[in-house]
mmCIF file of all heavy atoms, coordinates in Angstrom:
data_MODEL
# 
_entry.id   MODEL 
# 
loop_
_atom_site.group_PDB 
_atom_site.id 
_atom_site.type_symbol 
_atom_site.label_atom_id 
_atom_site.label_alt_id 
_atom_site.label_comp_id 
_atom_site.label_asym_id 
_atom_site.label_entity_id 
_atom_site.label_seq_id 
_atom_site.pdbx_PDB_ins_code 
_atom_site.Cartn_x 
_atom_site.Cartn_y 
_atom_site.Cartn_z 
_atom_site.occupancy 
_atom_site.B_iso_or_equiv 
_atom_site.pdbx_formal_charge 
_atom_site.auth_seq_id 
_atom_site.auth_comp_id 
_atom_site.auth_asym_id 
_atom_site.auth_atom_id 
_atom_site.pdbx_PDB_model_num 
ATOM 1   N N   . GLN A 1 1  ? 0.826  -1.202 0.000   1.00 0.00 ? 1  GLN A N   1 
ATOM 2   C CA  . GLN A 1 1  ? 0.000  0.000  0.000   1.00 0.00 ? 1  GLN A CA  1 
ATOM 3   C C   . GLN A 1 1  ? 0.866  1.259  0.000   1.00 0.00 ? 1  GLN A C   1 
ATOM 4   O O   . GLN A 1 1  ? 0.578  2.225  -0.713  1.00 0.00 ? 1  GLN A O   1 
ATOM 5   C CB  . GLN A 1 1  ? -0.928 0.019  1.219   1.00 0.00 ? 1  GLN A CB  1 
ATOM 6   C CG  . GLN A 1 1  ? -2.117 -0.882 1.092   1.00 0.00 ? 1  GLN A CG  1 
ATOM 7   C CD  . GLN A 1 1  ? -3.043 -0.769 2.284   1.00 0.00 ? 1  GLN A CD  1 
ATOM 8   O OE1 . GLN A 1 1  ? -2.628 -0.349 3.366   1.00 0.00 ? 1  GLN A OE1 1 
ATOM 9   N NE2 . GLN A 1 1  ? -4.294 -1.153 2.104   1.00 0.00 ? 1  GLN A NE2 1 
ATOM 10  N N   . ARG A 1 2  ? 1.930  1.250  0.795   1.00 0.00 ? 2  ARG A N   1 
ATOM 11  C CA  . ARG A 1 2  ? 2.820  2.408  0.851   1.00 0.00 ? 2  ARG A CA  1 
ATOM 12  C C   . ARG A 1 2  ? 3.475  2.639  -0.502  1.00 0.00 ? 2  ARG A C   1 
ATOM 13  O O   . ARG A 1 2  ? 3.551  3.774  -0.992  1.00 0.00 ? 2  ARG A O   1 
ATOM 14  C CB  . ARG A 1 2  ? 3.888  2.191  1.920   1.00 0.00 ? 2  ARG A CB  1 
ATOM 15  C CG  . ARG A 1 2  ? 4.779  3.419  2.156   1.00 0.00 ? 2  ARG A CG  1 
ATOM 16  C CD  . ARG A 1 2  ? 5.923  3.122  3.105   1.00 0.00 ? 2  ARG A CD  1 
ATOM 17  N NE  . ARG A 1 2  ? 6.886  2.182  2.556   1.00 0.00 ? 2  ARG A NE  1 
ATOM 18  C CZ  . ARG A 1 2  ? 7.813  2.491  1.644   1.00 0.00 ? 2  ARG A CZ  1 
ATOM 19  N NH1 . ARG A 1 2  ? 7.878  3.717  1.164   1.00 0.00 ? 2  ARG A NH1 1 
ATOM 20  N NH2 . ARG A 1 2  ? 8.662  1.591  1.210   1.00 0.00 ? 2  ARG A NH2 1 
ATOM 21  N N   . LEU A 1 3  ? 3.914  1.555  -1.147  1.00 0.00 ? 3  LEU A N   1 
ATOM 22  C CA  . LEU A 1 3  ? 4.556  1.683  -2.456  1.00 0.00 ? 3  LEU A CA  1 
ATOM 23  C C   . LEU A 1 3  ? 3.577  2.155  -3.529  1.00 0.00 ? 3  LEU A C   1 
ATOM 24  O O   . LEU A 1 3  ? 3.932  2.957  -4.394  1.00 0.00 ? 3  LEU A O   1 
ATOM 25  C CB  . LEU A 1 3  ? 5.197  0.358  -2.858  1.00 0.00 ? 3  LEU A CB  1 
ATOM 26  C CG  . LEU A 1 3  ? 6.442  -0.040 -2.070  1.00 0.00 ? 3  LEU A CG  1 
ATOM 27  C CD1 . LEU A 1 3  ? 6.886  -1.449 -2.462  1.00 0.00 ? 3  LEU A CD1 1 
ATOM 28  C CD2 . LEU A 1 3  ? 7.570  0.948  -2.277  1.00 0.00 ? 3  LEU A CD2 1 
ATOM 29  N N   . ARG A 1 4  ? 2.340  1.685  -3.443  1.00 0.00 ? 4  ARG A N   1 
ATOM 30  C CA  . ARG A 1 4  ? 1.334  2.137  -4.416  1.00 0.00 ? 4  ARG A CA  1 
ATOM 31  C C   . ARG A 1 4  ? 1.041  3.627  -4.245  1.00 0.00 ? 4  ARG A C   1 
ATOM 32  O O   . ARG A 1 4  ? 0.885  4.365  -5.213  1.00 0.00 ? 4  ARG A O   1 
ATOM 33  C CB  . ARG A 1 4  ? 0.050  1.324  -4.267  1.00 0.00 ? 4  ARG A CB  1 
ATOM 34  C CG  . ARG A 1 4  ? 0.162  -0.039 -4.875  1.00 0.00 ? 4  ARG A CG  1 
ATOM 35  C CD  . ARG A 1 4  ? -1.159 -0.762 -4.878  1.00 0.00 ? 4  ARG A CD  1 
ATOM 36  N NE  . ARG A 1 4  ? -0.995 -2.067 -5.484  1.00 0.00 ? 4  ARG A NE  1 
ATOM 37  C CZ  . ARG A 1 4  ? -1.726 -3.106 -5.217  1.00 0.00 ? 4  ARG A CZ  1 
ATOM 38  N NH1 . ARG A 1 4  ? -2.704 -3.019 -4.340  1.00 0.00 ? 4  ARG A NH1 1 
ATOM 39  N NH2 . ARG A 1 4  ? -1.519 -4.258 -5.818  1.00 0.00 ? 4  ARG A NH2 1 
ATOM 40  N N   . LYS A 1 5  ? 0.951  4.062  -2.988  1.00 0.00 ? 5  LYS A N   1 
ATOM 41  C CA  . LYS A 1 5  ? 0.695  5.480  -2.718  1.00 0.00 ? 5  LYS A CA  1 
ATOM 42  C C   . LYS A 1 5  ? 1.851  6.330  -3.228  1.00 0.00 ? 5  LYS A C   1 
ATOM 43  O O   . LYS A 1 5  ? 1.641  7.369  -3.866  1.00 0.00 ? 5  LYS A O   1 
ATOM 44  C CB  . LYS A 1 5  ? 0.497  5.692  -1.214  1.00 0.00 ? 5  LYS A CB  1 
ATOM 45  C CG  . LYS A 1 5  ? 0.117  7.093  -0.834  1.00 0.00 ? 5  LYS A CG  1 
ATOM 46  C CD  . LYS A 1 5  ? -0.147 7.202  0.652   1.00 0.00 ? 5  LYS A CD  1 
ATOM 47  C CE  . LYS A 1 5  ? -0.495 8.626  1.034   1.00 0.00 ? 5  LYS A CE  1 
ATOM 48  N NZ  . LYS A 1 5  ? -0.694 8.773  2.473   1.00 0.00 ? 5  LYS A NZ  1 
ATOM 49  N N   . ARG A 1 6  ? 3.064  5.880  -2.975  1.00 0.00 ? 6  ARG A N   1 
ATOM 50  C CA  . ARG A 1 6  ? 4.256  6.611  -3.447  1.00 0.00 ? 6  ARG A CA  1 
ATOM 51  C C   . ARG A 1 6  ? 4.306  6.632  -4.975  1.00 0.00 ? 6  ARG A C   1 
ATOM 52  O O   . ARG A 1 6  ? 4.631  7.652  -5.570  1.00 0.00 ? 6  ARG A O   1 
ATOM 53  C CB  . ARG A 1 6  ? 5.524  5.949  -2.875  1.00 0.00 ? 6  ARG A CB  1 
ATOM 54  C CG  . ARG A 1 6  ? 6.801  6.604  -3.292  1.00 0.00 ? 6  ARG A CG  1 
ATOM 55  C CD  . ARG A 1 6  ? 6.962  7.978  -2.683  1.00 0.00 ? 6  ARG A CD  1 
ATOM 56  N NE  . ARG A 1 6  ? 8.250  8.525  -3.077  1.00 0.00 ? 6  ARG A NE  1 
ATOM 57  C CZ  . ARG A 1 6  ? 8.454  9.791  -3.338  1.00 0.00 ? 6  ARG A CZ  1 
ATOM 58  N NH1 . ARG A 1 6  ? 7.483  10.669 -3.187  1.00 0.00 ? 6  ARG A NH1 1 
ATOM 59  N NH2 . ARG A 1 6  ? 9.638  10.216 -3.717  1.00 0.00 ? 6  ARG A NH2 1 
ATOM 60  N N   . ASN A 1 7  ? 3.942  5.517  -5.590  1.00 0.00 ? 7  ASN A N   1 
ATOM 61  C CA  . ASN A 1 7  ? 3.905  5.450  -7.048  1.00 0.00 ? 7  ASN A CA  1 
ATOM 62  C C   . ASN A 1 7  ? 2.891  6.438  -7.609  1.00 0.00 ? 7  ASN A C   1 
ATOM 63  O O   . ASN A 1 7  ? 3.168  7.135  -8.594  1.00 0.00 ? 7  ASN A O   1 
ATOM 64  C CB  . ASN A 1 7  ? 3.574  4.019  -7.491  1.00 0.00 ? 7  ASN A CB  1 
ATOM 65  C CG  . ASN A 1 7  ? 3.733  3.826  -8.971  1.00 0.00 ? 7  ASN A CG  1 
ATOM 66  O OD1 . ASN A 1 7  ? 4.473  4.535  -9.624  1.00 0.00 ? 7  ASN A OD1 1 
ATOM 67  N ND2 . ASN A 1 7  ? 3.030  2.845  -9.499  1.00 0.00 ? 7  ASN A ND2 1 
ATOM 68  N N   . GLN A 1 8  ? 1.722  6.534  -6.974  1.00 0.00 ? 8  GLN A N   1 
ATOM 69  C CA  . GLN A 1 8  ? 0.695  7.476  -7.403  1.00 0.00 ? 8  GLN A CA  1 
ATOM 70  C C   . GLN A 1 8  ? 1.200  8.915  -7.284  1.00 0.00 ? 8  GLN A C   1 
ATOM 71  O O   . GLN A 1 8  ? 0.993  9.729  -8.186  1.00 0.00 ? 8  GLN A O   1 
ATOM 72  C CB  . GLN A 1 8  ? -0.580 7.276  -6.568  1.00 0.00 ? 8  GLN A CB  1 
ATOM 73  C CG  . GLN A 1 8  ? -1.716 8.202  -6.933  1.00 0.00 ? 8  GLN A CG  1 
ATOM 74  C CD  . GLN A 1 8  ? -2.293 7.897  -8.288  1.00 0.00 ? 8  GLN A CD  1 
ATOM 75  O OE1 . GLN A 1 8  ? -2.239 6.766  -8.752  1.00 0.00 ? 8  GLN A OE1 1 
ATOM 76  N NE2 . GLN A 1 8  ? -2.838 8.893  -8.931  1.00 0.00 ? 8  GLN A NE2 1 
ATOM 77  N N   . GLN A 1 9  ? 1.869  9.231  -6.174  1.00 0.00 ? 9  GLN A N   1 
ATOM 78  C CA  . GLN A 1 9  ? 2.408  10.578 -5.985  1.00 0.00 ? 9  GLN A CA  1 
ATOM 79  C C   . GLN A 1 9  ? 3.438  10.902 -7.067  1.00 0.00 ? 9  GLN A C   1 
ATOM 80  O O   . GLN A 1 9  ? 3.440  12.004 -7.627  1.00 0.00 ? 9  GLN A O   1 
ATOM 81  C CB  . GLN A 1 9  ? 3.060  10.698 -4.608  1.00 0.00 ? 9  GLN A CB  1 
ATOM 82  C CG  . GLN A 1 9  ? 2.095  10.699 -3.454  1.00 0.00 ? 9  GLN A CG  1 
ATOM 83  C CD  . GLN A 1 9  ? 2.810  10.648 -2.104  1.00 0.00 ? 9  GLN A CD  1 
ATOM 84  O OE1 . GLN A 1 9  ? 3.992  10.355 -2.038  1.00 0.00 ? 9  GLN A OE1 1 
ATOM 85  N NE2 . GLN A 1 9  ? 2.071  10.911 -1.042  1.00 0.00 ? 9  GLN A NE2 1 
ATOM 86  N N   . LEU A 1 10 ? 4.306  9.949  -7.364  1.00 0.00 ? 10 LEU A N   1 
ATOM 87  C CA  . LEU A 1 10 ? 5.333  10.183 -8.382  1.00 0.00 ? 10 LEU A CA  1 
ATOM 88  C C   . LEU A 1 10 ? 4.729  10.344 -9.772  1.00 0.00 ? 10 LEU A C   1 
ATOM 89  O O   . LEU A 1 10 ? 5.200  11.170 -10.572 1.00 0.00 ? 10 LEU A O   1 
ATOM 90  C CB  . LEU A 1 10 ? 6.364  9.050  -8.365  1.00 0.00 ? 10 LEU A CB  1 
ATOM 91  C CG  . LEU A 1 10 ? 7.265  8.999  -7.137  1.00 0.00 ? 10 LEU A CG  1 
ATOM 92  C CD1 . LEU A 1 10 ? 8.125  7.736  -7.166  1.00 0.00 ? 10 LEU A CD1 1 
ATOM 93  C CD2 . LEU A 1 10 ? 8.138  10.230 -7.042  1.00 0.00 ? 10 LEU A CD2 1 
ATOM 94  N N   . GLU A 1 11 ? 3.670  9.597  -10.059 1.00 0.00 ? 11 GLU A N   1 
ATOM 95  C CA  . GLU A 1 11 ? 3.004  9.747  -11.353 1.00 0.00 ? 11 GLU A CA  1 
ATOM 96  C C   . GLU A 1 11 ? 2.357  11.125 -11.476 1.00 0.00 ? 11 GLU A C   1 
ATOM 97  O O   . GLU A 1 11 ? 2.424  11.766 -12.531 1.00 0.00 ? 11 GLU A O   1 
ATOM 98  C CB  . GLU A 1 11 ? 1.956  8.650  -11.545 1.00 0.00 ? 11 GLU A CB  1 
ATOM 99  C CG  . GLU A 1 11 ? 2.547  7.304  -11.871 1.00 0.00 ? 11 GLU A CG  1 
ATOM 100 C CD  . GLU A 1 11 ? 1.491  6.216  -12.004 1.00 0.00 ? 11 GLU A CD  1 
ATOM 101 O OE1 . GLU A 1 11 ? 0.285  6.494  -11.774 1.00 0.00 ? 11 GLU A OE1 1 
ATOM 102 O OE2 . GLU A 1 11 ? 1.876  5.089  -12.338 1.00 0.00 ? 11 GLU A OE2 1 
ATOM 103 N N   . GLU A 1 12 ? 1.732  11.605 -10.397 1.00 0.00 ? 12 GLU A N   1 
ATOM 104 C CA  . GLU A 1 12 ? 1.125  12.941 -10.415 1.00 0.00 ? 12 GLU A CA  1 
ATOM 105 C C   . GLU A 1 12 ? 2.194  14.013 -10.589 1.00 0.00 ? 12 GLU A C   1 
ATOM 106 O O   . GLU A 1 12 ? 2.018  14.967 -11.351 1.00 0.00 ? 12 GLU A O   1 
ATOM 107 C CB  . GLU A 1 12 ? 0.323  13.172 -9.137  1.00 0.00 ? 12 GLU A CB  1 
ATOM 108 C CG  . GLU A 1 12 ? -0.940 12.347 -9.058  1.00 0.00 ? 12 GLU A CG  1 
ATOM 109 C CD  . GLU A 1 12 ? -1.640 12.456 -7.719  1.00 0.00 ? 12 GLU A CD  1 
ATOM 110 O OE1 . GLU A 1 12 ? -1.157 13.212 -6.839  1.00 0.00 ? 12 GLU A OE1 1 
ATOM 111 O OE2 . GLU A 1 12 ? -2.674 11.785 -7.539  1.00 0.00 ? 12 GLU A OE2 1 
ATOM 112 N N   . GLU A 1 13 ? 3.317  13.866 -9.861  1.00 0.00 ? 13 GLU A N   1 
ATOM 113 C CA  . GLU A 1 13 ? 4.412  14.826 -9.989  1.00 0.00 ? 13 GLU A CA  1 
ATOM 114 C C   . GLU A 1 13 ? 4.979  14.807 -11.410 1.00 0.00 ? 13 GLU A C   1 
ATOM 115 O O   . GLU A 1 13 ? 5.277  15.858 -11.988 1.00 0.00 ? 13 GLU A O   1 
ATOM 116 C CB  . GLU A 1 13 ? 5.506  14.494 -8.979  1.00 0.00 ? 13 GLU A CB  1 
ATOM 117 C CG  . GLU A 1 13 ? 6.658  15.477 -8.986  1.00 0.00 ? 13 GLU A CG  1 
ATOM 118 C CD  . GLU A 1 13 ? 7.736  15.110 -7.982  1.00 0.00 ? 13 GLU A CD  1 
ATOM 119 O OE1 . GLU A 1 13 ? 7.534  14.191 -7.167  1.00 0.00 ? 13 GLU A OE1 1 
ATOM 120 O OE2 . GLU A 1 13 ? 8.801  15.762 -8.027  1.00 0.00 ? 13 GLU A OE2 1 
ATOM 121 N N   . ASN A 1 14 ? 5.101  13.617 -11.985 1.00 0.00 ? 14 ASN A N   1 
ATOM 122 C CA  . ASN A 1 14 ? 5.613  13.480 -13.344 1.00 0.00 ? 14 ASN A CA  1 
ATOM 123 C C   . ASN A 1 14 ? 4.678  14.181 -14.333 1.00 0.00 ? 14 ASN A C   1 
ATOM 124 O O   . ASN A 1 14 ? 5.137  14.886 -15.240 1.00 0.00 ? 14 ASN A O   1 
ATOM 125 C CB  . ASN A 1 14 ? 5.761  11.998 -13.694 1.00 0.00 ? 14 ASN A CB  1 
ATOM 126 C CG  . ASN A 1 14 ? 6.548  11.771 -14.953 1.00 0.00 ? 14 ASN A CG  1 
ATOM 127 O OD1 . ASN A 1 14 ? 7.213  12.663 -15.447 1.00 0.00 ? 14 ASN A OD1 1 
ATOM 128 N ND2 . ASN A 1 14 ? 6.466  10.567 -15.472 1.00 0.00 ? 14 ASN A ND2 1 
ATOM 129 N N   . ASN A 1 15 ? 3.370  14.005 -14.163 1.00 0.00 ? 15 ASN A N   1 
ATOM 130 C CA  . ASN A 1 15 ? 2.401  14.664 -15.046 1.00 0.00 ? 15 ASN A CA  1 
ATOM 131 C C   . ASN A 1 15 ? 2.493  16.180 -14.924 1.00 0.00 ? 15 ASN A C   1 
ATOM 132 O O   . ASN A 1 15 ? 2.422  16.894 -15.928 1.00 0.00 ? 15 ASN A O   1 
ATOM 133 C CB  . ASN A 1 15 ? 0.981  14.187 -14.738 1.00 0.00 ? 15 ASN A CB  1 
ATOM 134 C CG  . ASN A 1 15 ? 0.746  12.766 -15.184 1.00 0.00 ? 15 ASN A CG  1 
ATOM 135 O OD1 . ASN A 1 15 ? 1.434  12.248 -16.058 1.00 0.00 ? 15 ASN A OD1 1 
ATOM 136 N ND2 . ASN A 1 15 ? -0.218 12.113 -14.568 1.00 0.00 ? 15 ASN A ND2 1 
ATOM 137 N N   . LEU A 1 16 ? 2.650  16.679 -13.689 1.00 0.00 ? 16 LEU A N   1 
ATOM 138 C CA  . LEU A 1 16 ? 2.775  18.118 -13.472 1.00 0.00 ? 16 LEU A CA  1 
ATOM 139 C C   . LEU A 1 16 ? 4.038  18.654 -14.155 1.00 0.00 ? 16 LEU A C   1 
ATOM 140 O O   . LEU A 1 16 ? 4.005  19.705 -14.811 1.00 0.00 ? 16 LEU A O   1 
ATOM 141 C CB  . LEU A 1 16 ? 2.800  18.425 -11.972 1.00 0.00 ? 16 LEU A CB  1 
ATOM 142 C CG  . LEU A 1 16 ? 2.962  19.894 -11.592 1.00 0.00 ? 16 LEU A CG  1 
ATOM 143 C CD1 . LEU A 1 16 ? 1.752  20.693 -12.031 1.00 0.00 ? 16 LEU A CD1 1 
ATOM 144 C CD2 . LEU A 1 16 ? 3.188  20.031 -10.104 1.00 0.00 ? 16 LEU A CD2 1 
ATOM 145 N N   . LEU A 1 17 ? 5.141  17.940 -14.012 1.00 0.00 ? 17 LEU A N   1 
ATOM 146 C CA  . LEU A 1 17 ? 6.381  18.383 -14.639 1.00 0.00 ? 17 LEU A CA  1 
ATOM 147 C C   . LEU A 1 17 ? 6.289  18.358 -16.172 1.00 0.00 ? 17 LEU A C   1 
ATOM 148 O O   . LEU A 1 17 ? 6.816  19.249 -16.842 1.00 0.00 ? 17 LEU A O   1 
ATOM 149 C CB  . LEU A 1 17 ? 7.550  17.520 -14.164 1.00 0.00 ? 17 LEU A CB  1 
ATOM 150 C CG  . LEU A 1 17 ? 7.932  17.705 -12.689 1.00 0.00 ? 17 LEU A CG  1 
ATOM 151 C CD1 . LEU A 1 17 ? 8.977  16.673 -12.284 1.00 0.00 ? 17 LEU A CD1 1 
ATOM 152 C CD2 . LEU A 1 17 ? 8.435  19.110 -12.434 1.00 0.00 ? 17 LEU A CD2 1 
ATOM 153 N N   . ARG A 1 18 ? 5.599  17.385 -16.716 1.00 0.00 ? 18 ARG A N   1 
ATOM 154 C CA  . ARG A 1 18 ? 5.399  17.344 -18.173 1.00 0.00 ? 18 ARG A CA  1 
ATOM 155 C C   . ARG A 1 18 ? 4.585  18.547 -18.634 1.00 0.00 ? 18 ARG A C   1 
ATOM 156 O O   . ARG A 1 18 ? 4.866  19.154 -19.671 1.00 0.00 ? 18 ARG A O   1 
ATOM 157 C CB  . ARG A 1 18 ? 4.695  16.061 -18.591 1.00 0.00 ? 18 ARG A CB  1 
ATOM 158 C CG  . ARG A 1 18 ? 5.570  14.848 -18.544 1.00 0.00 ? 18 ARG A CG  1 
ATOM 159 C CD  . ARG A 1 18 ? 4.780  13.607 -18.928 1.00 0.00 ? 18 ARG A CD  1 
ATOM 160 N NE  . ARG A 1 18 ? 5.497  12.417 -18.568 1.00 0.00 ? 18 ARG A NE  1 
ATOM 161 C CZ  . ARG A 1 18 ? 5.825  11.457 -19.413 1.00 0.00 ? 18 ARG A CZ  1 
ATOM 162 N NH1 . ARG A 1 18 ? 5.475  11.561 -20.667 1.00 0.00 ? 18 ARG A NH1 1 
ATOM 163 N NH2 . ARG A 1 18 ? 6.480  10.406 -19.008 1.00 0.00 ? 18 ARG A NH2 1 
ATOM 164 N N   . LEU A 1 19 ? 3.564  18.889 -17.850 1.00 0.00 ? 19 LEU A N   1 
ATOM 165 C CA  . LEU A 1 19 ? 2.743  20.056 -18.171 1.00 0.00 ? 19 LEU A CA  1 
ATOM 166 C C   . LEU A 1 19 ? 3.578  21.330 -18.128 1.00 0.00 ? 19 LEU A C   1 
ATOM 167 O O   . LEU A 1 19 ? 3.485  22.183 -19.021 1.00 0.00 ? 19 LEU A O   1 
ATOM 168 C CB  . LEU A 1 19 ? 1.567  20.144 -17.204 1.00 0.00 ? 19 LEU A CB  1 
ATOM 169 C CG  . LEU A 1 19 ? 0.595  21.289 -17.414 1.00 0.00 ? 19 LEU A CG  1 
ATOM 170 C CD1 . LEU A 1 19 ? -0.100 21.154 -18.754 1.00 0.00 ? 19 LEU A CD1 1 
ATOM 171 C CD2 . LEU A 1 19 ? -0.429 21.327 -16.286 1.00 0.00 ? 19 LEU A CD2 1 
ATOM 172 N N   . LYS A 1 20 ? 4.425  21.460 -17.108 1.00 0.00 ? 20 LYS A N   1 
ATOM 173 C CA  . LYS A 1 20 ? 5.290  22.640 -16.998 1.00 0.00 ? 20 LYS A CA  1 
ATOM 174 C C   . LYS A 1 20 ? 6.253  22.721 -18.181 1.00 0.00 ? 20 LYS A C   1 
ATOM 175 O O   . LYS A 1 20 ? 6.501  23.811 -18.711 1.00 0.00 ? 20 LYS A O   1 
ATOM 176 C CB  . LYS A 1 20 ? 6.070  22.608 -15.683 1.00 0.00 ? 20 LYS A CB  1 
ATOM 177 C CG  . LYS A 1 20 ? 5.231  22.926 -14.475 1.00 0.00 ? 20 LYS A CG  1 
ATOM 178 C CD  . LYS A 1 20 ? 6.059  22.920 -13.208 1.00 0.00 ? 20 LYS A CD  1 
ATOM 179 C CE  . LYS A 1 20 ? 5.245  23.276 -11.989 1.00 0.00 ? 20 LYS A CE  1 
ATOM 180 N NZ  . LYS A 1 20 ? 6.053  23.316 -10.767 1.00 0.00 ? 20 LYS A NZ  1 
ATOM 181 N N   . ILE A 1 21 ? 6.802  21.596 -18.597 1.00 0.00 ? 21 ILE A N   1 
ATOM 182 C CA  . ILE A 1 21 ? 7.713  21.585 -19.752 1.00 0.00 ? 21 ILE A CA  1 
ATOM 183 C C   . ILE A 1 21 ? 6.972  22.036 -21.001 1.00 0.00 ? 21 ILE A C   1 
ATOM 184 O O   . ILE A 1 21 ? 7.502  22.833 -21.790 1.00 0.00 ? 21 ILE A O   1 
ATOM 185 C CB  . ILE A 1 21 ? 8.337  20.186 -19.938 1.00 0.00 ? 21 ILE A CB  1 
ATOM 186 C CG1 . ILE A 1 21 ? 9.368  19.931 -18.849 1.00 0.00 ? 21 ILE A CG1 1 
ATOM 187 C CG2 . ILE A 1 21 ? 8.974  20.051 -21.315 1.00 0.00 ? 21 ILE A CG2 1 
ATOM 188 C CD1 . ILE A 1 21 ? 9.934  18.532 -18.863 1.00 0.00 ? 21 ILE A CD1 1 
ATOM 189 N N   . ASP A 1 22 ? 5.739  21.555 -21.193 1.00 0.00 ? 22 ASP A N   1 
ATOM 190 C CA  . ASP A 1 22 ? 4.954  21.974 -22.358 1.00 0.00 ? 22 ASP A CA  1 
ATOM 191 C C   . ASP A 1 22 ? 4.710  23.480 -22.346 1.00 0.00 ? 22 ASP A C   1 
ATOM 192 O O   . ASP A 1 22 ? 4.826  24.151 -23.382 1.00 0.00 ? 22 ASP A O   1 
ATOM 193 C CB  . ASP A 1 22 ? 3.617  21.230 -22.399 1.00 0.00 ? 22 ASP A CB  1 
ATOM 194 C CG  . ASP A 1 22 ? 3.766  19.786 -22.833 1.00 0.00 ? 22 ASP A CG  1 
ATOM 195 O OD1 . ASP A 1 22 ? 4.816  19.443 -23.428 1.00 0.00 ? 22 ASP A OD1 1 
ATOM 196 O OD2 . ASP A 1 22 ? 2.826  18.993 -22.584 1.00 0.00 ? 22 ASP A OD2 1 
ATOM 197 N N   . ILE A 1 23 ? 4.372  24.007 -21.173 1.00 0.00 ? 23 ILE A N   1 
ATOM 198 C CA  . ILE A 1 23 ? 4.129  25.451 -21.068 1.00 0.00 ? 23 ILE A CA  1 
ATOM 199 C C   . ILE A 1 23 ? 5.403  26.233 -21.363 1.00 0.00 ? 23 ILE A C   1 
ATOM 200 O O   . ILE A 1 23 ? 5.390  27.231 -22.105 1.00 0.00 ? 23 ILE A O   1 
ATOM 201 C CB  . ILE A 1 23 ? 3.566  25.796 -19.672 1.00 0.00 ? 23 ILE A CB  1 
ATOM 202 C CG1 . ILE A 1 23 ? 2.154  25.232 -19.521 1.00 0.00 ? 23 ILE A CG1 1 
ATOM 203 C CG2 . ILE A 1 23 ? 3.566  27.308 -19.432 1.00 0.00 ? 23 ILE A CG2 1 
ATOM 204 C CD1 . ILE A 1 23 ? 1.589  25.330 -18.119 1.00 0.00 ? 23 ILE A CD1 1 
ATOM 205 N N   . LEU A 1 24 ? 6.530  25.794 -20.810 1.00 0.00 ? 24 LEU A N   1 
ATOM 206 C CA  . LEU A 1 24 ? 7.794  26.481 -21.059 1.00 0.00 ? 24 LEU A CA  1 
ATOM 207 C C   . LEU A 1 24 ? 8.192  26.421 -22.532 1.00 0.00 ? 24 LEU A C   1 
ATOM 208 O O   . LEU A 1 24 ? 8.702  27.405 -23.090 1.00 0.00 ? 24 LEU A O   1 
ATOM 209 C CB  . LEU A 1 24 ? 8.898  25.892 -20.184 1.00 0.00 ? 24 LEU A CB  1 
ATOM 210 C CG  . LEU A 1 24 ? 8.822  26.233 -18.696 1.00 0.00 ? 24 LEU A CG  1 
ATOM 211 C CD1 . LEU A 1 24 ? 9.868  25.438 -17.915 1.00 0.00 ? 24 LEU A CD1 1 
ATOM 212 C CD2 . LEU A 1 24 ? 9.017  27.724 -18.481 1.00 0.00 ? 24 LEU A CD2 1 
ATOM 213 N N   . LEU A 1 25 ? 7.956  25.291 -23.188 1.00 0.00 ? 25 LEU A N   1 
ATOM 214 C CA  . LEU A 1 25 ? 8.269  25.189 -24.614 1.00 0.00 ? 25 LEU A CA  1 
ATOM 215 C C   . LEU A 1 25 ? 7.387  26.111 -25.441 1.00 0.00 ? 25 LEU A C   1 
ATOM 216 O O   . LEU A 1 25 ? 7.854  26.733 -26.411 1.00 0.00 ? 25 LEU A O   1 
ATOM 217 C CB  . LEU A 1 25 ? 8.125  23.744 -25.091 1.00 0.00 ? 25 LEU A CB  1 
ATOM 218 C CG  . LEU A 1 25 ? 9.232  22.792 -24.661 1.00 0.00 ? 25 LEU A CG  1 
ATOM 219 C CD1 . LEU A 1 25 ? 8.896  21.363 -25.061 1.00 0.00 ? 25 LEU A CD1 1 
ATOM 220 C CD2 . LEU A 1 25 ? 10.558 23.212 -25.267 1.00 0.00 ? 25 LEU A CD2 1 
# 
């Protein structure tokens, strides 16, 4: 459960960073 929660957090952070990269480009 802890690993799944951490995985979910990392996926959300990854999506946010991809969005920021798109905006910067």
